[in-house]
Amino acid sequence: MLSPADNVILTFPPRPVSHWERAQLAEWHTATLERAPDIGRAFVSDRRTDHPRIAGRIVVTLRSSQDPAYLVHAPTGLTFWVVAAAPGWDTLHRFRTLLTALNFIRPVLAEPDAP
């Protein structure tokens, strides 16, 4: 049975992650290597064979496991980012920017002041 988070994640497919957003993800992940060493990998799942739960989303794993610990995506047609955490995937957090969403997972980069 799907959790409410699964329903939301699967109902609103992710929009494509831009090159600029991929660069921001890479910068955040590089910062985690020094300041949050428990983070293993951070990548955009873009293989056609990936599970629908993670396909098109940013996947963050911990060093202690290869399984996704966090999923991050911006639903198509919407202007916010969603973070869901394992193991239950039943609590979603919304953020205005990708950097804010990533820093929710591990706050390793300074965020520009809000207007």
PDB file of N, CA and C in Angstrom:
ATOM      1  N   MET A   1       0.838  -1.178   0.000  1.00  0.00           N
ATOM      2  CA  MET A   1       0.000   0.000   0.000  1.00  0.00           C
ATOM      3  C   MET A   1       0.882   1.241   0.000  1.00  0.00           C
ATOM      4  N   LEU A   2       0.533   2.230  -0.797  1.00  0.00           N
ATOM      5  CA  LEU A   2       1.304   3.455  -0.877  1.00  0.00           C
ATOM      6  C   LEU A   2       0.998   4.370   0.295  1.00  0.00           C
ATOM      7  N   SER A   3       2.039   5.018   0.796  1.00  0.00           N
ATOM      8  CA  SER A   3       1.856   6.007   1.849  1.00  0.00           C
ATOM      9  C   SER A   3       1.324   7.290   1.208  1.00  0.00           C
ATOM     10  N   PRO A   4       0.810   8.237   2.010  1.00  0.00           N
ATOM     11  CA  PRO A   4       0.376   9.518   1.447  1.00  0.00           C
ATOM     12  C   PRO A   4       1.507  10.226   0.693  1.00  0.00           C
ATOM     13  N   ALA A   5       2.745  10.112   1.193  1.00  0.00           N
ATOM     14  CA  ALA A   5       3.873  10.739   0.506  1.00  0.00           C
ATOM     15  C   ALA A   5       4.102  10.101  -0.854  1.00  0.00           C
ATOM     16  N   ASP A   6       4.006   8.770  -0.921  1.00  0.00           N
ATOM     17  CA  ASP A   6       4.140   8.094  -2.211  1.00  0.00           C
ATOM     18  C   ASP A   6       3.091   8.598  -3.189  1.00  0.00           C
ATOM     19  N   ASN A   7       1.869   8.744  -2.720  1.00  0.00           N
ATOM     20  CA  ASN A   7       0.802   9.220  -3.594  1.00  0.00           C
ATOM     21  C   ASN A   7       1.120  10.601  -4.146  1.00  0.00           C
ATOM     22  N   VAL A   8       1.606  11.495  -3.295  1.00  0.00           N
ATOM     23  CA  VAL A   8       1.945  12.840  -3.747  1.00  0.00           C
ATOM     24  C   VAL A   8       3.122  12.790  -4.708  1.00  0.00           C
ATOM     25  N   ILE A   9       4.150  12.042  -4.329  1.00  0.00           N
ATOM     26  CA  ILE A   9       5.338  11.972  -5.167  1.00  0.00           C
ATOM     27  C   ILE A   9       5.011  11.377  -6.527  1.00  0.00           C
ATOM     28  N   LEU A  10       4.198  10.357  -6.562  1.00  0.00           N
ATOM     29  CA  LEU A  10       3.863   9.716  -7.824  1.00  0.00           C
ATOM     30  C   LEU A  10       2.781  10.456  -8.601  1.00  0.00           C
ATOM     31  N   THR A  11       1.910  11.191  -7.917  1.00  0.00           N
ATOM     32  CA  THR A  11       0.857  11.941  -8.585  1.00  0.00           C
ATOM     33  C   THR A  11       1.415  13.156  -9.306  1.00  0.00           C
ATOM     34  N   PHE A  12       2.367  13.847  -8.678  1.00  0.00           N
ATOM     35  CA  PHE A  12       2.990  15.024  -9.268  1.00  0.00           C
ATOM     36  C   PHE A  12       4.401  14.653  -9.700  1.00  0.00           C
ATOM     37  N   PRO A  13       4.583  14.285 -10.951  1.00  0.00           N
ATOM     38  CA  PRO A  13       5.915  13.883 -11.397  1.00  0.00           C
ATOM     39  C   PRO A  13       6.886  15.053 -11.285  1.00  0.00           C
ATOM     40  N   PRO A  14       8.169  14.741 -11.148  1.00  0.00           N
ATOM     41  CA  PRO A  14       9.144  15.811 -11.022  1.00  0.00           C
ATOM     42  C   PRO A  14       9.382  16.508 -12.352  1.00  0.00           C
ATOM     43  N   ARG A  15       9.647  17.794 -12.280  1.00  0.00           N
ATOM     44  CA  ARG A  15      10.087  18.483 -13.487  1.00  0.00           C
ATOM     45  C   ARG A  15      11.567  18.184 -13.665  1.00  0.00           C
ATOM     46  N   PRO A  16      12.084  18.312 -14.866  1.00  0.00           N
ATOM     47  CA  PRO A  16      13.506  18.045 -15.076  1.00  0.00           C
ATOM     48  C   PRO A  16      14.385  18.968 -14.241  1.00  0.00           C
ATOM     49  N   VAL A  17      15.483  18.433 -13.756  1.00  0.00           N
ATOM     50  CA  VAL A  17      16.451  19.216 -12.988  1.00  0.00           C
ATOM     51  C   VAL A  17      17.375  19.897 -13.991  1.00  0.00           C
ATOM     52  N   SER A  18      17.457  21.216 -13.907  1.00  0.00           N
ATOM     53  CA  SER A  18      18.246  21.983 -14.875  1.00  0.00           C
ATOM     54  C   SER A  18      19.747  21.788 -14.658  1.00  0.00           C
ATOM     55  N   HIS A  19      20.518  22.216 -15.638  1.00  0.00           N
ATOM     56  CA  HIS A  19      21.977  22.151 -15.512  1.00  0.00           C
ATOM     57  C   HIS A  19      22.449  22.998 -14.334  1.00  0.00           C
ATOM     58  N   TRP A  20      21.841  24.171 -14.170  1.00  0.00           N
ATOM     59  CA  TRP A  20      22.213  25.046 -13.053  1.00  0.00           C
ATOM     60  C   TRP A  20      21.899  24.372 -11.717  1.00  0.00           C
ATOM     61  N   GLU A  21      20.749  23.724 -11.620  1.00  0.00           N
ATOM     62  CA  GLU A  21      20.384  23.022 -10.385  1.00  0.00           C
ATOM     63  C   GLU A  21      21.312  21.831 -10.135  1.00  0.00           C
ATOM     64  N   ARG A  22      21.715  21.147 -11.194  1.00  0.00           N
ATOM     65  CA  ARG A  22      22.678  20.046 -11.041  1.00  0.00           C
ATOM     66  C   ARG A  22      24.015  20.575 -10.517  1.00  0.00           C
ATOM     67  N   ALA A  23      24.422  21.737 -11.003  1.00  0.00           N
ATOM     68  CA  ALA A  23      25.662  22.348 -10.521  1.00  0.00           C
ATOM     69  C   ALA A  23      25.531  22.723  -9.042  1.00  0.00           C
ATOM     70  N   GLN A  24      24.363  23.234  -8.649  1.00  0.00           N
ATOM     71  CA  GLN A  24      24.139  23.570  -7.244  1.00  0.00           C
ATOM     72  C   GLN A  24      24.152  22.311  -6.375  1.00  0.00           C
ATOM     73  N   LEU A  25      23.558  21.231  -6.868  1.00  0.00           N
ATOM     74  CA  LEU A  25      23.595  19.960  -6.155  1.00  0.00           C
ATOM     75  C   LEU A  25      25.037  19.487  -5.985  1.00  0.00           C
ATOM     76  N   ALA A  26      25.840  19.576  -7.048  1.00  0.00           N
ATOM     77  CA  ALA A  26      27.242  19.158  -6.978  1.00  0.00           C
ATOM     78  C   ALA A  26      28.014  20.006  -5.961  1.00  0.00           C
ATOM     79  N   GLU A  27      27.749  21.303  -5.943  1.00  0.00           N
ATOM     80  CA  GLU A  27      28.410  22.189  -4.975  1.00  0.00           C
ATOM     81  C   GLU A  27      28.019  21.810  -3.544  1.00  0.00           C
ATOM     82  N   TRP A  28      26.733  21.550  -3.324  1.00  0.00           N
ATOM     83  CA  TRP A  28      26.264  21.146  -1.995  1.00  0.00           C
ATOM     84  C   TRP A  28      26.910  19.821  -1.598  1.00  0.00           C
ATOM     85  N   HIS A  29      26.929  18.860  -2.526  1.00  0.00           N
ATOM     86  CA  HIS A  29      27.497  17.547  -2.204  1.00  0.00           C
ATOM     87  C   HIS A  29      28.986  17.663  -1.888  1.00  0.00           C
ATOM     88  N   THR A  30      29.710  18.461  -2.632  1.00  0.00           N
ATOM     89  CA  THR A  30      31.135  18.680  -2.345  1.00  0.00           C
ATOM     90  C   THR A  30      31.316  19.249  -0.947  1.00  0.00           C
ATOM     91  N   ALA A  31      30.469  20.186  -0.558  1.00  0.00           N
ATOM     92  CA  ALA A  31      30.550  20.769   0.791  1.00  0.00           C
ATOM     93  C   ALA A  31      30.248  19.736   1.873  1.00  0.00           C
ATOM     94  N   THR A  32      29.369  18.773   1.570  1.00  0.00           N
ATOM     95  CA  THR A  32      29.051  17.751   2.577  1.00  0.00           C
ATOM     96  C   THR A  32      30.244  16.845   2.839  1.00  0.00           C
ATOM     97  N   LEU A  33      31.102  16.664   1.849  1.00  0.00           N
ATOM     98  CA  LEU A  33      32.259  15.790   2.038  1.00  0.00           C
ATOM     99  C   LEU A  33      33.136  16.271   3.190  1.00  0.00           C
ATOM    100  N   GLU A  34      33.205  17.586   3.359  1.00  0.00           N
ATOM    101  CA  GLU A  34      34.014  18.162   4.427  1.00  0.00           C
ATOM    102  C   GLU A  34      33.220  18.409   5.698  1.00  0.00           C
ATOM    103  N   ARG A  35      31.992  18.859   5.559  1.00  0.00           N
ATOM    104  CA  ARG A  35      31.246  19.342   6.718  1.00  0.00           C
ATOM    105  C   ARG A  35      30.144  18.404   7.204  1.00  0.00           C
ATOM    106  N   ALA A  36      29.789  17.410   6.417  1.00  0.00           N
ATOM    107  CA  ALA A  36      28.757  16.438   6.806  1.00  0.00           C
ATOM    108  C   ALA A  36      29.145  15.079   6.248  1.00  0.00           C
ATOM    109  N   PRO A  37      30.167  14.458   6.816  1.00  0.00           N
ATOM    110  CA  PRO A  37      30.718  13.238   6.213  1.00  0.00           C
ATOM    111  C   PRO A  37      29.790  12.028   6.225  1.00  0.00           C
ATOM    112  N   ASP A  38      28.630  12.132   6.859  1.00  0.00           N
ATOM    113  CA  ASP A  38      27.701  10.999   6.832  1.00  0.00           C
ATOM    114  C   ASP A  38      26.953  10.897   5.509  1.00  0.00           C
ATOM    115  N   ILE A  39      26.989  11.941   4.681  1.00  0.00           N
ATOM    116  CA  ILE A  39      26.331  11.902   3.375  1.00  0.00           C
ATOM    117  C   ILE A  39      27.202  11.084   2.428  1.00  0.00           C
ATOM    118  N   GLY A  40      26.574  10.121   1.761  1.00  0.00           N
ATOM    119  CA  GLY A  40      27.297   9.274   0.827  1.00  0.00           C
ATOM    120  C   GLY A  40      27.275   9.842  -0.578  1.00  0.00           C
ATOM    121  N   ARG A  41      26.141   9.686  -1.242  1.00  0.00           N
ATOM    122  CA  ARG A  41      25.992  10.154  -2.608  1.00  0.00           C
ATOM    123  C   ARG A  41      24.831  11.126  -2.702  1.00  0.00           C
ATOM    124  N   ALA A  42      24.898  11.985  -3.718  1.00  0.00           N
ATOM    125  CA  ALA A  42      23.800  12.891  -4.042  1.00  0.00           C
ATOM    126  C   ALA A  42      23.794  13.013  -5.565  1.00  0.00           C
ATOM    127  N   PHE A  43      22.692  12.606  -6.183  1.00  0.00           N
ATOM    128  CA  PHE A  43      22.657  12.569  -7.643  1.00  0.00           C
ATOM    129  C   PHE A  43      21.220  12.678  -8.129  1.00  0.00           C
ATOM    130  N   VAL A  44      21.083  13.012  -9.412  1.00  0.00           N
ATOM    131  CA  VAL A  44      19.777  13.008 -10.059  1.00  0.00           C
ATOM    132  C   VAL A  44      19.582  11.633 -10.675  1.00  0.00           C
ATOM    133  N   SER A  45      18.513  10.975 -10.299  1.00  0.00           N
ATOM    134  CA  SER A  45      18.203   9.654 -10.833  1.00  0.00           C
ATOM    135  C   SER A  45      17.580   9.841 -12.214  1.00  0.00           C
ATOM    136  N   ASP A  46      18.364   9.548 -13.247  1.00  0.00           N
ATOM    137  CA  ASP A  46      17.838   9.789 -14.587  1.00  0.00           C
ATOM    138  C   ASP A  46      17.981   8.594 -15.525  1.00  0.00           C
ATOM    139  N   ARG A  47      18.108   7.410 -14.969  1.00  0.00           N
ATOM    140  CA  ARG A  47      18.119   6.202 -15.803  1.00  0.00           C
ATOM    141  C   ARG A  47      16.681   5.722 -16.003  1.00  0.00           C
ATOM    142  N   ARG A  48      16.377   5.276 -17.186  1.00  0.00           N
ATOM    143  CA  ARG A  48      15.018   4.810 -17.473  1.00  0.00           C
ATOM    144  C   ARG A  48      14.634   3.597 -16.636  1.00  0.00           C
ATOM    145  N   THR A  49      15.619   2.855 -16.148  1.00  0.00           N
ATOM    146  CA  THR A  49      15.335   1.645 -15.381  1.00  0.00           C
ATOM    147  C   THR A  49      15.171   1.907 -13.886  1.00  0.00           C
ATOM    148  N   ASP A  50      15.330   3.152 -13.448  1.00  0.00           N
ATOM    149  CA  ASP A  50      15.184   3.459 -12.028  1.00  0.00           C
ATOM    150  C   ASP A  50      13.733   3.293 -11.576  1.00  0.00           C
ATOM    151  N   HIS A  51      13.580   2.959 -10.316  1.00  0.00           N
ATOM    152  CA  HIS A  51      12.243   2.797  -9.729  1.00  0.00           C
ATOM    153  C   HIS A  51      11.462   4.105  -9.877  1.00  0.00           C
ATOM    154  N   PRO A  52      10.167   4.055 -10.165  1.00  0.00           N
ATOM    155  CA  PRO A  52       9.373   5.282 -10.325  1.00  0.00           C
ATOM    156  C   PRO A  52       9.430   6.213  -9.114  1.00  0.00           C
ATOM    157  N   ARG A  53       9.655   5.677  -7.920  1.00  0.00           N
ATOM    158  CA  ARG A  53       9.727   6.530  -6.732  1.00  0.00           C
ATOM    159  C   ARG A  53      10.917   7.484  -6.812  1.00  0.00           C
ATOM    160  N   ILE A  54      12.011   7.059  -7.433  1.00  0.00           N
ATOM    161  CA  ILE A  54      13.199   7.912  -7.455  1.00  0.00           C
ATOM    162  C   ILE A  54      13.484   8.523  -8.822  1.00  0.00           C
ATOM    163  N   ALA A  55      12.902   7.993  -9.880  1.00  0.00           N
ATOM    164  CA  ALA A  55      13.207   8.472 -11.233  1.00  0.00           C
ATOM    165  C   ALA A  55      12.931   9.964 -11.375  1.00  0.00           C
ATOM    166  N   GLY A  56      13.925  10.696 -11.882  1.00  0.00           N
ATOM    167  CA  GLY A  56      13.787  12.131 -12.098  1.00  0.00           C
ATOM    168  C   GLY A  56      13.962  12.977 -10.859  1.00  0.00           C
ATOM    169  N   ARG A  57      14.246  12.350  -9.743  1.00  0.00           N
ATOM    170  CA  ARG A  57      14.390  13.073  -8.479  1.00  0.00           C
ATOM    171  C   ARG A  57      15.847  13.087  -8.037  1.00  0.00           C
ATOM    172  N   ILE A  58      16.165  13.994  -7.138  1.00  0.00           N
ATOM    173  CA  ILE A  58      17.471  14.014  -6.513  1.00  0.00           C
ATOM    174  C   ILE A  58      17.445  12.985  -5.395  1.00  0.00           C
ATOM    175  N   VAL A  59      18.434  12.115  -5.398  1.00  0.00           N
ATOM    176  CA  VAL A  59      18.549  11.059  -4.399  1.00  0.00           C
ATOM    177  C   VAL A  59      19.764  11.346  -3.534  1.00  0.00           C
ATOM    178  N   VAL A  60      19.575  11.303  -2.226  1.00  0.00           N
ATOM    179  CA  VAL A  60      20.677  11.479  -1.280  1.00  0.00           C
ATOM    180  C   VAL A  60      20.762  10.218  -0.436  1.00  0.00           C
ATOM    181  N   THR A  61      21.950   9.627  -0.404  1.00  0.00           N
ATOM    182  CA  THR A  61      22.168   8.438   0.415  1.00  0.00           C
ATOM    183  C   THR A  61      23.120   8.786   1.547  1.00  0.00           C
ATOM    184  N   LEU A  62      23.083   7.963   2.575  1.00  0.00           N
ATOM    185  CA  LEU A  62      24.033   8.086   3.672  1.00  0.00           C
ATOM    186  C   LEU A  62      25.143   7.066   3.458  1.00  0.00           C
ATOM    187  N   ARG A  63      26.287   7.311   4.040  1.00  0.00           N
ATOM    188  CA  ARG A  63      27.407   6.373   3.895  1.00  0.00           C
ATOM    189  C   ARG A  63      27.069   4.999   4.475  1.00  0.00           C
ATOM    190  N   SER A  64      26.165   4.956   5.429  1.00  0.00           N
ATOM    191  CA  SER A  64      25.830   3.706   6.096  1.00  0.00           C
ATOM    192  C   SER A  64      24.944   2.785   5.257  1.00  0.00           C
ATOM    193  N   SER A  65      24.425   3.264   4.107  1.00  0.00           N
ATOM    194  CA  SER A  65      23.516   2.459   3.294  1.00  0.00           C
ATOM    195  C   SER A  65      23.512   2.963   1.857  1.00  0.00           C
ATOM    196  N   GLN A  66      23.255   2.077   0.926  1.00  0.00           N
ATOM    197  CA  GLN A  66      23.098   2.473  -0.474  1.00  0.00           C
ATOM    198  C   GLN A  66      21.659   2.871  -0.793  1.00  0.00           C
ATOM    199  N   ASP A  67      20.739   2.601   0.126  1.00  0.00           N
ATOM    200  CA  ASP A  67      19.337   2.946  -0.099  1.00  0.00           C
ATOM    201  C   ASP A  67      19.141   4.455   0.043  1.00  0.00           C
ATOM    202  N   PRO A  68      18.198   5.022  -0.708  1.00  0.00           N
ATOM    203  CA  PRO A  68      17.935   6.450  -0.573  1.00  0.00           C
ATOM    204  C   PRO A  68      17.531   6.823   0.858  1.00  0.00           C
ATOM    205  N   ALA A  69      18.114   7.895   1.351  1.00  0.00           N
ATOM    206  CA  ALA A  69      17.737   8.430   2.660  1.00  0.00           C
ATOM    207  C   ALA A  69      16.801   9.624   2.489  1.00  0.00           C
ATOM    208  N   TYR A  70      16.978  10.358   1.389  1.00  0.00           N
ATOM    209  CA  TYR A  70      16.150  11.527   1.080  1.00  0.00           C
ATOM    210  C   TYR A  70      15.868  11.554  -0.416  1.00  0.00           C
ATOM    211  N   LEU A  71      14.678  12.020  -0.763  1.00  0.00           N
ATOM    212  CA  LEU A  71      14.318  12.304  -2.145  1.00  0.00           C
ATOM    213  C   LEU A  71      13.924  13.770  -2.220  1.00  0.00           C
ATOM    214  N   VAL A  72      14.426  14.449  -3.239  1.00  0.00           N
ATOM    215  CA  VAL A  72      14.167  15.879  -3.408  1.00  0.00           C
ATOM    216  C   VAL A  72      13.688  16.096  -4.834  1.00  0.00           C
ATOM    217  N   HIS A  73      12.595  16.835  -4.997  1.00  0.00           N
ATOM    218  CA  HIS A  73      12.157  17.178  -6.339  1.00  0.00           C
ATOM    219  C   HIS A  73      11.231  18.381  -6.332  1.00  0.00           C
ATOM    220  N   ALA A  74      11.123  18.987  -7.510  1.00  0.00           N
ATOM    221  CA  ALA A  74      10.158  20.065  -7.733  1.00  0.00           C
ATOM    222  C   ALA A  74       9.067  19.474  -8.619  1.00  0.00           C
ATOM    223  N   PRO A  75       7.851  19.370  -8.109  1.00  0.00           N
ATOM    224  CA  PRO A  75       6.774  18.806  -8.930  1.00  0.00           C
ATOM    225  C   PRO A  75       6.514  19.643 -10.177  1.00  0.00           C
ATOM    226  N   THR A  76       6.226  18.972 -11.267  1.00  0.00           N
ATOM    227  CA  THR A  76       5.924  19.650 -12.518  1.00  0.00           C
ATOM    228  C   THR A  76       4.792  20.651 -12.316  1.00  0.00           C
ATOM    229  N   GLY A  77       5.008  21.860 -12.804  1.00  0.00           N
ATOM    230  CA  GLY A  77       3.974  22.893 -12.745  1.00  0.00           C
ATOM    231  C   GLY A  77       3.884  23.632 -11.430  1.00  0.00           C
ATOM    232  N   LEU A  78       4.708  23.267 -10.454  1.00  0.00           N
ATOM    233  CA  LEU A  78       4.678  23.939  -9.158  1.00  0.00           C
ATOM    234  C   LEU A  78       6.009  24.641  -8.918  1.00  0.00           C
ATOM    235  N   THR A  79       6.039  25.555  -7.960  1.00  0.00           N
ATOM    236  CA  THR A  79       7.223  26.402  -7.779  1.00  0.00           C
ATOM    237  C   THR A  79       7.951  26.148  -6.469  1.00  0.00           C
ATOM    238  N   PHE A  80       7.824  24.980  -5.910  1.00  0.00           N
ATOM    239  CA  PHE A  80       8.521  24.675  -4.665  1.00  0.00           C
ATOM    240  C   PHE A  80       9.241  23.342  -4.796  1.00  0.00           C
ATOM    241  N   TRP A  81      10.119  23.077  -3.849  1.00  0.00           N
ATOM    242  CA  TRP A  81      10.861  21.816  -3.775  1.00  0.00           C
ATOM    243  C   TRP A  81      10.329  20.996  -2.618  1.00  0.00           C
ATOM    244  N   VAL A  82      10.287  19.695  -2.799  1.00  0.00           N
ATOM    245  CA  VAL A  82       9.782  18.767  -1.792  1.00  0.00           C
ATOM    246  C   VAL A  82      10.926  17.867  -1.338  1.00  0.00           C
ATOM    247  N   VAL A  83      11.035  17.675  -0.023  1.00  0.00           N
ATOM    248  CA  VAL A  83      11.985  16.714   0.536  1.00  0.00           C
ATOM    249  C   VAL A  83      11.182  15.673   1.305  1.00  0.00           C
ATOM    250  N   ALA A  84      11.448  14.409   0.996  1.00  0.00           N
ATOM    251  CA  ALA A  84      10.856  13.285   1.727  1.00  0.00           C
ATOM    252  C   ALA A  84      12.004  12.459   2.294  1.00  0.00           C
ATOM    253  N   ALA A  85      11.839  11.974   3.524  1.00  0.00           N
ATOM    254  CA  ALA A  85      12.907  11.218   4.186  1.00  0.00           C
ATOM    255  C   ALA A  85      12.481   9.782   4.442  1.00  0.00           C
ATOM    256  N   ALA A  86      13.464   8.885   4.333  1.00  0.00           N
ATOM    257  CA  ALA A  86      13.259   7.475   4.672  1.00  0.00           C
ATOM    258  C   ALA A  86      13.209   7.358   6.191  1.00  0.00           C
ATOM    259  N   PRO A  87      12.694   6.327   6.763  1.00  0.00           N
ATOM    260  CA  PRO A  87      12.240   5.138   6.068  1.00  0.00           C
ATOM    261  C   PRO A  87      10.774   5.179   5.666  1.00  0.00           C
ATOM    262  N   GLY A  88       9.978   6.040   6.269  1.00  0.00           N
ATOM    263  CA  GLY A  88       8.538   5.989   6.003  1.00  0.00           C
ATOM    264  C   GLY A  88       8.080   6.777   4.801  1.00  0.00           C
ATOM    265  N   TRP A  89       8.856   7.779   4.376  1.00  0.00           N
ATOM    266  CA  TRP A  89       8.484   8.651   3.257  1.00  0.00           C
ATOM    267  C   TRP A  89       7.132   9.312   3.486  1.00  0.00           C
ATOM    268  N   ASP A  90       6.685   9.355   4.737  1.00  0.00           N
ATOM    269  CA  ASP A  90       5.334   9.854   4.991  1.00  0.00           C
ATOM    270  C   ASP A  90       5.289  11.289   5.486  1.00  0.00           C
ATOM    271  N   THR A  91       6.443  11.944   5.594  1.00  0.00           N
ATOM    272  CA  THR A  91       6.470  13.351   5.970  1.00  0.00           C
ATOM    273  C   THR A  91       7.165  14.122   4.865  1.00  0.00           C
ATOM    274  N   LEU A  92       6.478  15.101   4.325  1.00  0.00           N
ATOM    275  CA  LEU A  92       7.040  15.929   3.260  1.00  0.00           C
ATOM    276  C   LEU A  92       7.333  17.321   3.804  1.00  0.00           C
ATOM    277  N   HIS A  93       8.420  17.889   3.333  1.00  0.00           N
ATOM    278  CA  HIS A  93       8.790  19.262   3.688  1.00  0.00           C
ATOM    279  C   HIS A  93       8.889  20.046   2.386  1.00  0.00           C
ATOM    280  N   ARG A  94       8.324  21.269   2.380  1.00  0.00           N
ATOM    281  CA  ARG A  94       8.339  22.108   1.190  1.00  0.00           C
ATOM    282  C   ARG A  94       9.280  23.285   1.402  1.00  0.00           C
ATOM    283  N   PHE A  95       9.986  23.649   0.311  1.00  0.00           N
ATOM    284  CA  PHE A  95      10.945  24.739   0.374  1.00  0.00           C
ATOM    285  C   PHE A  95      10.862  25.565  -0.903  1.00  0.00           C
ATOM    286  N   ARG A  96      11.182  26.853  -0.778  1.00  0.00           N
ATOM    287  CA  ARG A  96      11.109  27.755  -1.928  1.00  0.00           C
ATOM    288  C   ARG A  96      12.238  27.528  -2.928  1.00  0.00           C
ATOM    289  N   THR A  97      13.412  27.098  -2.438  1.00  0.00           N
ATOM    290  CA  THR A  97      14.555  26.938  -3.332  1.00  0.00           C
ATOM    291  C   THR A  97      15.202  25.568  -3.147  1.00  0.00           C
ATOM    292  N   LEU A  98      15.946  25.155  -4.151  1.00  0.00           N
ATOM    293  CA  LEU A  98      16.678  23.895  -4.058  1.00  0.00           C
ATOM    294  C   LEU A  98      17.719  23.976  -2.947  1.00  0.00           C
ATOM    295  N   LEU A  99      18.430  25.092  -2.852  1.00  0.00           N
ATOM    296  CA  LEU A  99      19.456  25.210  -1.821  1.00  0.00           C
ATOM    297  C   LEU A  99      18.859  25.090  -0.421  1.00  0.00           C
ATOM    298  N   THR A 100      17.722  25.684  -0.190  1.00  0.00           N
ATOM    299  CA  THR A 100      17.055  25.567   1.112  1.00  0.00           C
ATOM    300  C   THR A 100      16.664  24.116   1.378  1.00  0.00           C
ATOM    301  N   ALA A 101      16.181  23.426   0.350  1.00  0.00           N
ATOM    302  CA  ALA A 101      15.808  22.012   0.504  1.00  0.00           C
ATOM    303  C   ALA A 101      17.027  21.167   0.842  1.00  0.00           C
ATOM    304  N   LEU A 102      18.126  21.382   0.122  1.00  0.00           N
ATOM    305  CA  LEU A 102      19.343  20.615   0.393  1.00  0.00           C
ATOM    306  C   LEU A 102      19.907  20.941   1.772  1.00  0.00           C
ATOM    307  N   ASN A 103      19.887  22.214   2.146  1.00  0.00           N
ATOM    308  CA  ASN A 103      20.388  22.603   3.463  1.00  0.00           C
ATOM    309  C   ASN A 103      19.508  22.084   4.596  1.00  0.00           C
ATOM    310  N   PHE A 104      18.258  21.759   4.302  1.00  0.00           N
ATOM    311  CA  PHE A 104      17.413  21.097   5.296  1.00  0.00           C
ATOM    312  C   PHE A 104      18.000  19.729   5.642  1.00  0.00           C
ATOM    313  N   ILE A 105      18.517  19.048   4.621  1.00  0.00           N
ATOM    314  CA  ILE A 105      19.116  17.733   4.835  1.00  0.00           C
ATOM    315  C   ILE A 105      20.399  17.885   5.639  1.00  0.00           C
ATOM    316  N   ARG A 106      21.304  18.734   5.183  1.00  0.00           N
ATOM    317  CA  ARG A 106      22.530  19.076   5.913  1.00  0.00           C
ATOM    318  C   ARG A 106      22.872  20.516   5.560  1.00  0.00           C
ATOM    319  N   PRO A 107      22.871  21.416   6.543  1.00  0.00           N
ATOM    320  CA  PRO A 107      23.141  22.838   6.266  1.00  0.00           C
ATOM    321  C   PRO A 107      24.638  23.109   6.088  1.00  0.00           C
ATOM    322  N   VAL A 108      25.104  23.001   4.850  1.00  0.00           N
ATOM    323  CA  VAL A 108      26.535  23.140   4.596  1.00  0.00           C
ATOM    324  C   VAL A 108      26.889  24.330   3.710  1.00  0.00           C
ATOM    325  N   LEU A 109      25.926  24.964   3.081  1.00  0.00           N
ATOM    326  CA  LEU A 109      26.191  26.120   2.238  1.00  0.00           C
ATOM    327  C   LEU A 109      25.414  27.327   2.746  1.00  0.00           C
ATOM    328  N   ALA A 110      26.037  28.491   2.649  1.00  0.00           N
ATOM    329  CA  ALA A 110      25.355  29.732   3.030  1.00  0.00           C
ATOM    330  C   ALA A 110      24.287  30.037   1.996  1.00  0.00           C
ATOM    331  N   GLU A 111      23.165  30.504   2.497  1.00  0.00           N
ATOM    332  CA  GLU A 111      22.072  30.874   1.608  1.00  0.00           C
ATOM    333  C   GLU A 111      22.033  32.389   1.470  1.00  0.00           C
ATOM    334  N   PRO A 112      21.733  32.877   0.260  1.00  0.00           N
ATOM    335  CA  PRO A 112      21.621  34.328   0.094  1.00  0.00           C
ATOM    336  C   PRO A 112      20.463  34.864   0.932  1.00  0.00           C
ATOM    337  N   ASP A 113      20.595  36.097   1.337  1.00  0.00           N
ATOM    338  CA  ASP A 113      19.530  36.719   2.132  1.00  0.00           C
ATOM    339  C   ASP A 113      18.268  36.813   1.301  1.00  0.00           C
ATOM    340  N   ALA A 114      17.145  36.515   1.938  1.00  0.00           N
ATOM    341  CA  ALA A 114      15.850  36.603   1.271  1.00  0.00           C
ATOM    342  C   ALA A 114      15.480  38.081   1.078  1.00  0.00           C
ATOM    343  N   PRO A 115      14.784  38.402  -0.023  1.00  0.00           N
ATOM    344  CA  PRO A 115      14.387  39.811  -0.264  1.00  0.00           C
ATOM    345  C   PRO A 115      13.425  40.319   0.783  1.00  0.00           C
TER     346      PRO A 115
END
